[in-house]
Amino acid sequence: MAAVSWLLIPLIAALSASLWASWASRRKATHHGSDVSGVAGYERFRQAMERPRSSTSVNGSDDRDEAPAQPLAAQGSVSSGGAQQGD
């Protein structure tokens, strides 16, 4: 009789686990509308990312690809992390 009771423990545990899994994975009524709103939100996001950029950037300067007037090295001394050239 003791052996039968020890065999019932995993059987009851497996039955309980399967009941919990079916309860946890059920489709809730409140989630039916969220798929549609989620897709609509993604579509708005995608359209916003496809919009052309304005002609000025955040700081007000033009976004045109222009070369700087002088090379950066000629504008001033540039620190290279403590290493000096010519040593």
C-alpha atoms as a PDB file:
ATOM      1  CA  MET A   1       0.000   0.000   0.000  1.00  0.00           C
ATOM      2  CA  ALA A   2       2.916   2.351   0.692  1.00  0.00           C
ATOM      3  CA  ALA A   3       4.232   1.835  -2.837  1.00  0.00           C
ATOM      4  CA  VAL A   4       0.870   2.808  -4.334  1.00  0.00           C
ATOM      5  CA  SER A   5       0.776   6.029  -2.308  1.00  0.00           C
ATOM      6  CA  TRP A   6       4.304   6.906  -3.502  1.00  0.00           C
ATOM      7  CA  LEU A   7       3.191   6.371  -7.102  1.00  0.00           C
ATOM      8  CA  LEU A   8       0.134   8.588  -6.619  1.00  0.00           C
ATOM      9  CA  ILE A   9       2.244  11.586  -5.583  1.00  0.00           C
ATOM     10  CA  PRO A  10       3.882  12.132  -9.023  1.00  0.00           C
ATOM     11  CA  LEU A  11       0.577  11.310 -10.727  1.00  0.00           C
ATOM     12  CA  ILE A  12      -1.249  14.006  -8.740  1.00  0.00           C
ATOM     13  CA  ALA A  13       1.634  16.431  -9.352  1.00  0.00           C
ATOM     14  CA  ALA A  14       1.500  15.818 -13.123  1.00  0.00           C
ATOM     15  CA  LEU A  15      -2.275  16.258 -13.158  1.00  0.00           C
ATOM     16  CA  SER A  16      -1.993  19.478 -11.152  1.00  0.00           C
ATOM     17  CA  ALA A  17       0.751  20.774 -13.477  1.00  0.00           C
ATOM     18  CA  SER A  18      -1.313  20.084 -16.582  1.00  0.00           C
ATOM     19  CA  LEU A  19      -4.370  21.808 -15.088  1.00  0.00           C
ATOM     20  CA  TRP A  20      -2.263  24.843 -14.132  1.00  0.00           C
ATOM     21  CA  ALA A  21      -0.662  24.986 -17.595  1.00  0.00           C
ATOM     22  CA  SER A  22      -4.046  24.924 -19.325  1.00  0.00           C
ATOM     23  CA  TRP A  23      -5.306  27.670 -16.981  1.00  0.00           C
ATOM     24  CA  ALA A  24      -2.184  29.832 -17.421  1.00  0.00           C
ATOM     25  CA  SER A  25      -2.215  29.609 -21.230  1.00  0.00           C
ATOM     26  CA  ARG A  26      -5.899  30.353 -21.704  1.00  0.00           C
ATOM     27  CA  ARG A  27      -6.789  33.278 -23.934  1.00  0.00           C
ATOM     28  CA  LYS A  28      -8.104  36.119 -21.848  1.00  0.00           C
ATOM     29  CA  ALA A  29     -11.022  38.190 -23.142  1.00  0.00           C
ATOM     30  CA  THR A  30      -9.193  41.487 -22.506  1.00  0.00           C
ATOM     31  CA  HIS A  31      -6.398  40.602 -24.955  1.00  0.00           C
ATOM     32  CA  HIS A  32      -8.570  40.297 -28.068  1.00  0.00           C
ATOM     33  CA  GLY A  33      -8.461  44.030 -28.794  1.00  0.00           C
ATOM     34  CA  SER A  34      -4.797  44.475 -27.940  1.00  0.00           C
ATOM     35  CA  ASP A  35      -3.613  42.733 -31.110  1.00  0.00           C
ATOM     36  CA  VAL A  36      -5.412  45.244 -33.302  1.00  0.00           C
ATOM     37  CA  SER A  37      -4.230  48.237 -31.281  1.00  0.00           C
ATOM     38  CA  GLY A  38      -0.685  46.850 -31.184  1.00  0.00           C
ATOM     39  CA  VAL A  39      -0.576  46.487 -34.960  1.00  0.00           C
ATOM     40  CA  ALA A  40      -2.017  49.985 -35.375  1.00  0.00           C
ATOM     41  CA  GLY A  41       0.603  51.386 -33.007  1.00  0.00           C
ATOM     42  CA  TYR A  42       3.370  49.671 -34.937  1.00  0.00           C
ATOM     43  CA  GLU A  43       2.002  51.083 -38.196  1.00  0.00           C
ATOM     44  CA  ARG A  44       2.052  54.624 -36.741  1.00  0.00           C
ATOM     45  CA  PHE A  45       5.636  54.067 -35.562  1.00  0.00           C
ATOM     46  CA  ARG A  46       6.721  52.777 -38.973  1.00  0.00           C
ATOM     47  CA  GLN A  47       5.127  55.744 -40.756  1.00  0.00           C
ATOM     48  CA  ALA A  48       6.851  58.155 -38.373  1.00  0.00           C
ATOM     49  CA  MET A  49      10.214  56.548 -39.115  1.00  0.00           C
ATOM     50  CA  GLU A  50       9.650  56.819 -42.870  1.00  0.00           C
ATOM     51  CA  ARG A  51       8.905  60.558 -42.805  1.00  0.00           C
ATOM     52  CA  PRO A  52      11.572  62.703 -44.429  1.00  0.00           C
ATOM     53  CA  ARG A  53      13.773  64.632 -42.053  1.00  0.00           C
ATOM     54  CA  SER A  54      13.367  68.382 -41.826  1.00  0.00           C
ATOM     55  CA  SER A  55      15.929  70.655 -43.472  1.00  0.00           C
ATOM     56  CA  THR A  56      17.365  71.748 -40.112  1.00  0.00           C
ATOM     57  CA  SER A  57      18.686  69.596 -37.328  1.00  0.00           C
ATOM     58  CA  VAL A  58      17.998  69.977 -33.626  1.00  0.00           C
ATOM     59  CA  ASN A  59      20.593  72.740 -33.174  1.00  0.00           C
ATOM     60  CA  GLY A  60      19.237  74.723 -36.118  1.00  0.00           C
ATOM     61  CA  SER A  61      22.052  74.105 -38.599  1.00  0.00           C
ATOM     62  CA  ASP A  62      21.497  72.693 -42.042  1.00  0.00           C
ATOM     63  CA  ASP A  63      21.779  68.928 -42.455  1.00  0.00           C
ATOM     64  CA  ARG A  64      23.572  69.229 -45.775  1.00  0.00           C
ATOM     65  CA  ASP A  65      26.708  67.177 -46.233  1.00  0.00           C
ATOM     66  CA  GLU A  66      29.365  69.857 -46.380  1.00  0.00           C
ATOM     67  CA  ALA A  67      33.055  69.487 -45.706  1.00  0.00           C
ATOM     68  CA  PRO A  68      34.356  71.458 -42.724  1.00  0.00           C
ATOM     69  CA  ALA A  69      36.178  74.714 -43.529  1.00  0.00           C
ATOM     70  CA  GLN A  70      39.404  73.384 -41.996  1.00  0.00           C
ATOM     71  CA  PRO A  71      40.560  69.927 -41.032  1.00  0.00           C
ATOM     72  CA  LEU A  72      39.941  69.187 -37.364  1.00  0.00           C
ATOM     73  CA  ALA A  73      43.655  68.842 -36.608  1.00  0.00           C
ATOM     74  CA  ALA A  74      44.291  72.403 -37.863  1.00  0.00           C
ATOM     75  CA  GLN A  75      41.565  73.901 -35.662  1.00  0.00           C
ATOM     76  CA  GLY A  76      43.475  73.364 -32.423  1.00  0.00           C
ATOM     77  CA  SER A  77      45.431  70.897 -30.395  1.00  0.00           C
ATOM     78  CA  VAL A  78      43.832  67.505 -30.136  1.00  0.00           C
ATOM     79  CA  SER A  79      44.623  65.366 -27.117  1.00  0.00           C
ATOM     80  CA  SER A  80      45.464  61.779 -27.942  1.00  0.00           C
ATOM     81  CA  GLY A  81      45.101  60.291 -24.488  1.00  0.00           C
ATOM     82  CA  GLY A  82      48.436  61.456 -23.077  1.00  0.00           C
ATOM     83  CA  ALA A  83      50.640  60.200 -25.881  1.00  0.00           C
ATOM     84  CA  GLN A  84      52.606  62.989 -27.544  1.00  0.00           C
ATOM     85  CA  GLN A  85      53.945  62.848 -31.042  1.00  0.00           C
ATOM     86  CA  GLY A  86      57.575  63.529 -31.749  1.00  0.00           C
ATOM     87  CA  ASP A  87      58.962  62.037 -28.527  1.00  0.00           C
END
